[in-house]
């Protein structure tokens, strides 16, 4: 049961984008050491602003 619960939790976190910030921080620290890491709120604000400016293949 725990394995199923862990997989379900992982799936939901990936589906809803909860891991985007964690992956961004890991990338920033690996590829750009010394650059200040934005807090979660700033990350999401910039992320959504970028999506609004460049909608790409979104349906709406």
PDB file of N, CA and C in Angstrom:
ATOM      1  N   UNK A   1       0.814  -1.195   0.000  1.00  0.00           N
ATOM      2  CA  UNK A   1       0.000   0.000   0.000  1.00  0.00           C
ATOM      3  C   UNK A   1       0.859   1.262   0.000  1.00  0.00           C
ATOM      4  N   UNK A   2       1.976   1.229   0.732  1.00  0.00           N
ATOM      5  CA  UNK A   2       2.822   2.414   0.783  1.00  0.00           C
ATOM      6  C   UNK A   2       3.412   2.735  -0.578  1.00  0.00           C
ATOM      7  N   UNK A   3       3.775   1.701  -1.320  1.00  0.00           N
ATOM      8  CA  UNK A   3       4.343   1.922  -2.647  1.00  0.00           C
ATOM      9  C   UNK A   3       3.310   2.567  -3.564  1.00  0.00           C
ATOM     10  N   UNK A   4       2.092   2.125  -3.470  1.00  0.00           N
ATOM     11  CA  UNK A   4       1.030   2.710  -4.294  1.00  0.00           C
ATOM     12  C   UNK A   4       0.786   4.160  -3.873  1.00  0.00           C
ATOM     13  N   UNK A   5       0.762   4.394  -2.580  1.00  0.00           N
ATOM     14  CA  UNK A   5       0.575   5.750  -2.084  1.00  0.00           C
ATOM     15  C   UNK A   5       1.699   6.677  -2.519  1.00  0.00           C
ATOM     16  N   UNK A   6       2.933   6.174  -2.478  1.00  0.00           N
ATOM     17  CA  UNK A   6       4.076   6.982  -2.892  1.00  0.00           C
ATOM     18  C   UNK A   6       4.008   7.289  -4.383  1.00  0.00           C
ATOM     19  N   UNK A   7       3.628   6.312  -5.176  1.00  0.00           N
ATOM     20  CA  UNK A   7       3.510   6.538  -6.616  1.00  0.00           C
ATOM     21  C   UNK A   7       2.383   7.516  -6.940  1.00  0.00           C
ATOM     22  N   UNK A   8       1.286   7.393  -6.227  1.00  0.00           N
ATOM     23  CA  UNK A   8       0.165   8.305  -6.433  1.00  0.00           C
ATOM     24  C   UNK A   8       0.555   9.733  -6.034  1.00  0.00           C
ATOM     25  N   UNK A   9       1.265   9.866  -4.930  1.00  0.00           N
ATOM     26  CA  UNK A   9       1.729  11.186  -4.498  1.00  0.00           C
ATOM     27  C   UNK A   9       2.670  11.777  -5.540  1.00  0.00           C
ATOM     28  N   UNK A  10       3.626  10.983  -6.035  1.00  0.00           N
ATOM     29  CA  UNK A  10       4.557  11.452  -7.058  1.00  0.00           C
ATOM     30  C   UNK A  10       3.797  11.904  -8.301  1.00  0.00           C
ATOM     31  N   UNK A  11       2.832  11.090  -8.735  1.00  0.00           N
ATOM     32  CA  UNK A  11       2.059  11.420  -9.932  1.00  0.00           C
ATOM     33  C   UNK A  11       1.314  12.737  -9.767  1.00  0.00           C
ATOM     34  N   UNK A  12       0.656  12.918  -8.637  1.00  0.00           N
ATOM     35  CA  UNK A  12      -0.099  14.158  -8.395  1.00  0.00           C
ATOM     36  C   UNK A  12       0.826  15.365  -8.331  1.00  0.00           C
ATOM     37  N   UNK A  13       1.973  15.219  -7.693  1.00  0.00           N
ATOM     38  CA  UNK A  13       2.919  16.339  -7.613  1.00  0.00           C
ATOM     39  C   UNK A  13       3.430  16.718  -8.996  1.00  0.00           C
ATOM     40  N   UNK A  14       3.714  15.731  -9.829  1.00  0.00           N
ATOM     41  CA  UNK A  14       4.157  16.016 -11.186  1.00  0.00           C
ATOM     42  C   UNK A  14       3.033  16.617 -12.024  1.00  0.00           C
ATOM     43  N   UNK A  15       1.856  16.080 -11.876  1.00  0.00           N
ATOM     44  CA  UNK A  15       0.715  16.537 -12.648  1.00  0.00           C
ATOM     45  C   UNK A  15       0.379  17.998 -12.362  1.00  0.00           C
ATOM     46  N   UNK A  16       0.425  18.382 -11.096  1.00  0.00           N
ATOM     47  CA  UNK A  16       0.060  19.737 -10.714  1.00  0.00           C
ATOM     48  C   UNK A  16       1.247  20.695 -10.683  1.00  0.00           C
ATOM     49  N   UNK A  17       2.444  20.226 -11.011  1.00  0.00           N
ATOM     50  CA  UNK A  17       3.597  21.107 -11.121  1.00  0.00           C
ATOM     51  C   UNK A  17       4.278  21.441  -9.814  1.00  0.00           C
ATOM     52  N   UNK A  18       4.020  20.677  -8.775  1.00  0.00           N
ATOM     53  CA  UNK A  18       4.622  20.968  -7.473  1.00  0.00           C
ATOM     54  C   UNK A  18       6.136  20.803  -7.471  1.00  0.00           C
ATOM     55  N   UNK A  19       6.671  20.025  -8.387  1.00  0.00           N
ATOM     56  CA  UNK A  19       8.111  19.784  -8.402  1.00  0.00           C
ATOM     57  C   UNK A  19       8.869  20.766  -9.282  1.00  0.00           C
ATOM     58  N   UNK A  20       8.174  21.648  -9.974  1.00  0.00           N
ATOM     59  CA  UNK A  20       8.855  22.599 -10.867  1.00  0.00           C
ATOM     60  C   UNK A  20       9.854  23.470 -10.123  1.00  0.00           C
ATOM     61  N   UNK A  21       9.450  23.976  -8.979  1.00  0.00           N
ATOM     62  CA  UNK A  21      10.342  24.840  -8.211  1.00  0.00           C
ATOM     63  C   UNK A  21      11.566  24.065  -7.736  1.00  0.00           C
ATOM     64  N   UNK A  22      11.358  22.857  -7.245  1.00  0.00           N
ATOM     65  CA  UNK A  22      12.471  22.048  -6.767  1.00  0.00           C
ATOM     66  C   UNK A  22      13.468  21.768  -7.889  1.00  0.00           C
ATOM     67  N   UNK A  23      12.957  21.431  -9.075  1.00  0.00           N
ATOM     68  CA  UNK A  23      13.842  21.175 -10.215  1.00  0.00           C
ATOM     69  C   UNK A  23      14.558  22.442 -10.654  1.00  0.00           C
ATOM     70  N   UNK A  24      13.853  23.585 -10.597  1.00  0.00           N
ATOM     71  CA  UNK A  24      14.467  24.861 -10.967  1.00  0.00           C
ATOM     72  C   UNK A  24      15.608  25.207 -10.014  1.00  0.00           C
ATOM     73  N   UNK A  25      15.398  25.021  -8.727  1.00  0.00           N
ATOM     74  CA  UNK A  25      16.438  25.309  -7.745  1.00  0.00           C
ATOM     75  C   UNK A  25      17.639  24.392  -7.956  1.00  0.00           C
ATOM     76  N   UNK A  26      17.393  23.113  -8.209  1.00  0.00           N
ATOM     77  CA  UNK A  26      18.495  22.177  -8.453  1.00  0.00           C
ATOM     78  C   UNK A  26      19.278  22.585  -9.693  1.00  0.00           C
ATOM     79  N   UNK A  27      18.578  22.982 -10.747  1.00  0.00           N
ATOM     80  CA  UNK A  27      19.244  23.430 -11.969  1.00  0.00           C
ATOM     81  C   UNK A  27      20.051  24.694 -11.714  1.00  0.00           C
ATOM     82  N   UNK A  28      19.454  25.642 -11.003  1.00  0.00           N
ATOM     83  CA  UNK A  28      20.117  26.905 -10.732  1.00  0.00           C
ATOM     84  C   UNK A  28      21.395  26.697  -9.940  1.00  0.00           C
ATOM     85  N   UNK A  29      21.345  25.841  -8.953  1.00  0.00           N
ATOM     86  CA  UNK A  29      22.535  25.581  -8.129  1.00  0.00           C
ATOM     87  C   UNK A  29      23.608  24.826  -8.894  1.00  0.00           C
ATOM     88  N   UNK A  30      23.203  23.942  -9.801  1.00  0.00           N
ATOM     89  CA  UNK A  30      24.180  23.164 -10.570  1.00  0.00           C
ATOM     90  C   UNK A  30      24.782  23.965 -11.719  1.00  0.00           C
ATOM     91  N   UNK A  31      23.942  24.685 -12.455  1.00  0.00           N
ATOM     92  CA  UNK A  31      24.407  25.366 -13.663  1.00  0.00           C
ATOM     93  C   UNK A  31      24.843  26.804 -13.414  1.00  0.00           C
ATOM     94  N   UNK A  32      24.320  27.426 -12.381  1.00  0.00           N
ATOM     95  CA  UNK A  32      24.615  28.842 -12.126  1.00  0.00           C
ATOM     96  C   UNK A  32      24.928  29.061 -10.643  1.00  0.00           C
ATOM     97  N   UNK A  33      26.016  28.476 -10.154  1.00  0.00           N
ATOM     98  CA  UNK A  33      26.322  28.653  -8.728  1.00  0.00           C
ATOM     99  C   UNK A  33      26.607  30.124  -8.425  1.00  0.00           C
ATOM    100  N   UNK A  34      26.191  30.544  -7.274  1.00  0.00           N
ATOM    101  CA  UNK A  34      26.406  31.915  -6.871  1.00  0.00           C
ATOM    102  C   UNK A  34      25.257  32.844  -7.205  1.00  0.00           C
ATOM    103  N   UNK A  35      24.349  32.395  -8.072  1.00  0.00           N
ATOM    104  CA  UNK A  35      23.183  33.205  -8.418  1.00  0.00           C
ATOM    105  C   UNK A  35      22.166  33.032  -7.288  1.00  0.00           C
ATOM    106  N   UNK A  36      21.595  34.121  -6.801  1.00  0.00           N
ATOM    107  CA  UNK A  36      20.616  33.970  -5.716  1.00  0.00           C
ATOM    108  C   UNK A  36      19.371  33.205  -6.175  1.00  0.00           C
ATOM    109  N   UNK A  37      18.900  32.337  -5.321  1.00  0.00           N
ATOM    110  CA  UNK A  37      17.727  31.516  -5.622  1.00  0.00           C
ATOM    111  C   UNK A  37      16.475  32.282  -5.180  1.00  0.00           C
ATOM    112  N   UNK A  38      15.530  32.490  -6.098  1.00  0.00           N
ATOM    113  CA  UNK A  38      14.304  33.197  -5.700  1.00  0.00           C
ATOM    114  C   UNK A  38      13.445  32.331  -4.781  1.00  0.00           C
ATOM    115  N   UNK A  39      12.633  32.983  -3.981  1.00  0.00           N
ATOM    116  CA  UNK A  39      11.726  32.215  -3.132  1.00  0.00           C
ATOM    117  C   UNK A  39      10.599  31.637  -3.983  1.00  0.00           C
ATOM    118  N   UNK A  40       9.817  30.771  -3.398  1.00  0.00           N
ATOM    119  CA  UNK A  40       8.763  30.060  -4.131  1.00  0.00           C
ATOM    120  C   UNK A  40       7.768  31.034  -4.748  1.00  0.00           C
ATOM    121  N   UNK A  41       7.373  32.019  -3.987  1.00  0.00           N
ATOM    122  CA  UNK A  41       6.376  32.966  -4.463  1.00  0.00           C
ATOM    123  C   UNK A  41       6.876  33.739  -5.692  1.00  0.00           C
ATOM    124  N   UNK A  42       8.112  34.177  -5.639  1.00  0.00           N
ATOM    125  CA  UNK A  42       8.699  34.896  -6.777  1.00  0.00           C
ATOM    126  C   UNK A  42       8.816  33.987  -7.989  1.00  0.00           C
ATOM    127  N   UNK A  43       9.225  32.739  -7.758  1.00  0.00           N
ATOM    128  CA  UNK A  43       9.339  31.785  -8.861  1.00  0.00           C
ATOM    129  C   UNK A  43       8.021  31.633  -9.588  1.00  0.00           C
ATOM    130  N   UNK A  44       6.923  31.407  -8.850  1.00  0.00           N
ATOM    131  CA  UNK A  44       5.631  31.193  -9.489  1.00  0.00           C
ATOM    132  C   UNK A  44       5.116  32.461 -10.162  1.00  0.00           C
ATOM    133  N   UNK A  45       5.368  33.613  -9.544  1.00  0.00           N
ATOM    134  CA  UNK A  45       4.942  34.869 -10.153  1.00  0.00           C
ATOM    135  C   UNK A  45       5.621  35.050 -11.511  1.00  0.00           C
ATOM    136  N   UNK A  46       6.932  34.814 -11.568  1.00  0.00           N
ATOM    137  CA  UNK A  46       7.673  34.939 -12.824  1.00  0.00           C
ATOM    138  C   UNK A  46       7.273  33.856 -13.828  1.00  0.00           C
ATOM    139  N   UNK A  47       7.015  32.665 -13.326  1.00  0.00           N
ATOM    140  CA  UNK A  47       6.611  31.550 -14.193  1.00  0.00           C
ATOM    141  C   UNK A  47       5.297  31.864 -14.909  1.00  0.00           C
ATOM    142  N   UNK A  48       4.315  32.341 -14.151  1.00  0.00           N
ATOM    143  CA  UNK A  48       3.019  32.660 -14.757  1.00  0.00           C
ATOM    144  C   UNK A  48       3.096  33.889 -15.650  1.00  0.00           C
ATOM    145  N   UNK A  49       3.940  34.852 -15.299  1.00  0.00           N
ATOM    146  CA  UNK A  49       4.113  36.028 -16.159  1.00  0.00           C
ATOM    147  C   UNK A  49       4.719  35.612 -17.498  1.00  0.00           C
ATOM    148  N   UNK A  50       5.674  34.695 -17.463  1.00  0.00           N
ATOM    149  CA  UNK A  50       6.285  34.186 -18.700  1.00  0.00           C
ATOM    150  C   UNK A  50       5.252  33.440 -19.544  1.00  0.00           C
ATOM    151  N   UNK A  51       4.403  32.649 -18.915  1.00  0.00           N
ATOM    152  CA  UNK A  51       3.367  31.932 -19.652  1.00  0.00           C
ATOM    153  C   UNK A  51       2.383  32.893 -20.297  1.00  0.00           C
ATOM    154  N   UNK A  52       2.048  33.959 -19.599  1.00  0.00           N
ATOM    155  CA  UNK A  52       1.113  34.931 -20.162  1.00  0.00           C
ATOM    156  C   UNK A  52       1.720  35.666 -21.353  1.00  0.00           C
ATOM    157  N   UNK A  53       3.025  35.942 -21.308  1.00  0.00           N
ATOM    158  CA  UNK A  53       3.686  36.643 -22.407  1.00  0.00           C
ATOM    159  C   UNK A  53       3.908  35.740 -23.610  1.00  0.00           C
ATOM    160  N   UNK A  54       4.190  34.465 -23.358  1.00  0.00           N
ATOM    161  CA  UNK A  54       4.474  33.506 -24.434  1.00  0.00           C
ATOM    162  C   UNK A  54       3.596  32.274 -24.247  1.00  0.00           C
ATOM    163  N   UNK A  55       2.349  32.311 -24.694  1.00  0.00           N
ATOM    164  CA  UNK A  55       1.444  31.198 -24.418  1.00  0.00           C
ATOM    165  C   UNK A  55       1.825  29.899 -25.127  1.00  0.00           C
ATOM    166  N   UNK A  56       2.533  29.946 -26.217  1.00  0.00           N
ATOM    167  CA  UNK A  56       2.963  28.722 -26.883  1.00  0.00           C
ATOM    168  C   UNK A  56       1.800  27.873 -27.356  1.00  0.00           C
ATOM    169  N   UNK A  57       1.800  26.597 -26.991  1.00  0.00           N
ATOM    170  CA  UNK A  57       0.805  25.650 -27.493  1.00  0.00           C
ATOM    171  C   UNK A  57      -0.344  25.447 -26.522  1.00  0.00           C
ATOM    172  N   UNK A  58      -0.519  26.359 -25.581  1.00  0.00           N
ATOM    173  CA  UNK A  58      -1.647  26.203 -24.648  1.00  0.00           C
ATOM    174  C   UNK A  58      -2.965  26.364 -25.397  1.00  0.00           C
ATOM    175  N   UNK A  59      -3.977  25.740 -24.912  1.00  0.00           N
ATOM    176  CA  UNK A  59      -5.262  25.795 -25.591  1.00  0.00           C
ATOM    177  C   UNK A  59      -6.005  27.101 -25.308  1.00  0.00           C
ATOM    178  N   UNK A  60      -5.768  27.725 -24.154  1.00  0.00           N
ATOM    179  CA  UNK A  60      -6.527  28.929 -23.802  1.00  0.00           C
ATOM    180  C   UNK A  60      -5.623  30.084 -23.441  1.00  0.00           C
TER     181      UNK A  60
END
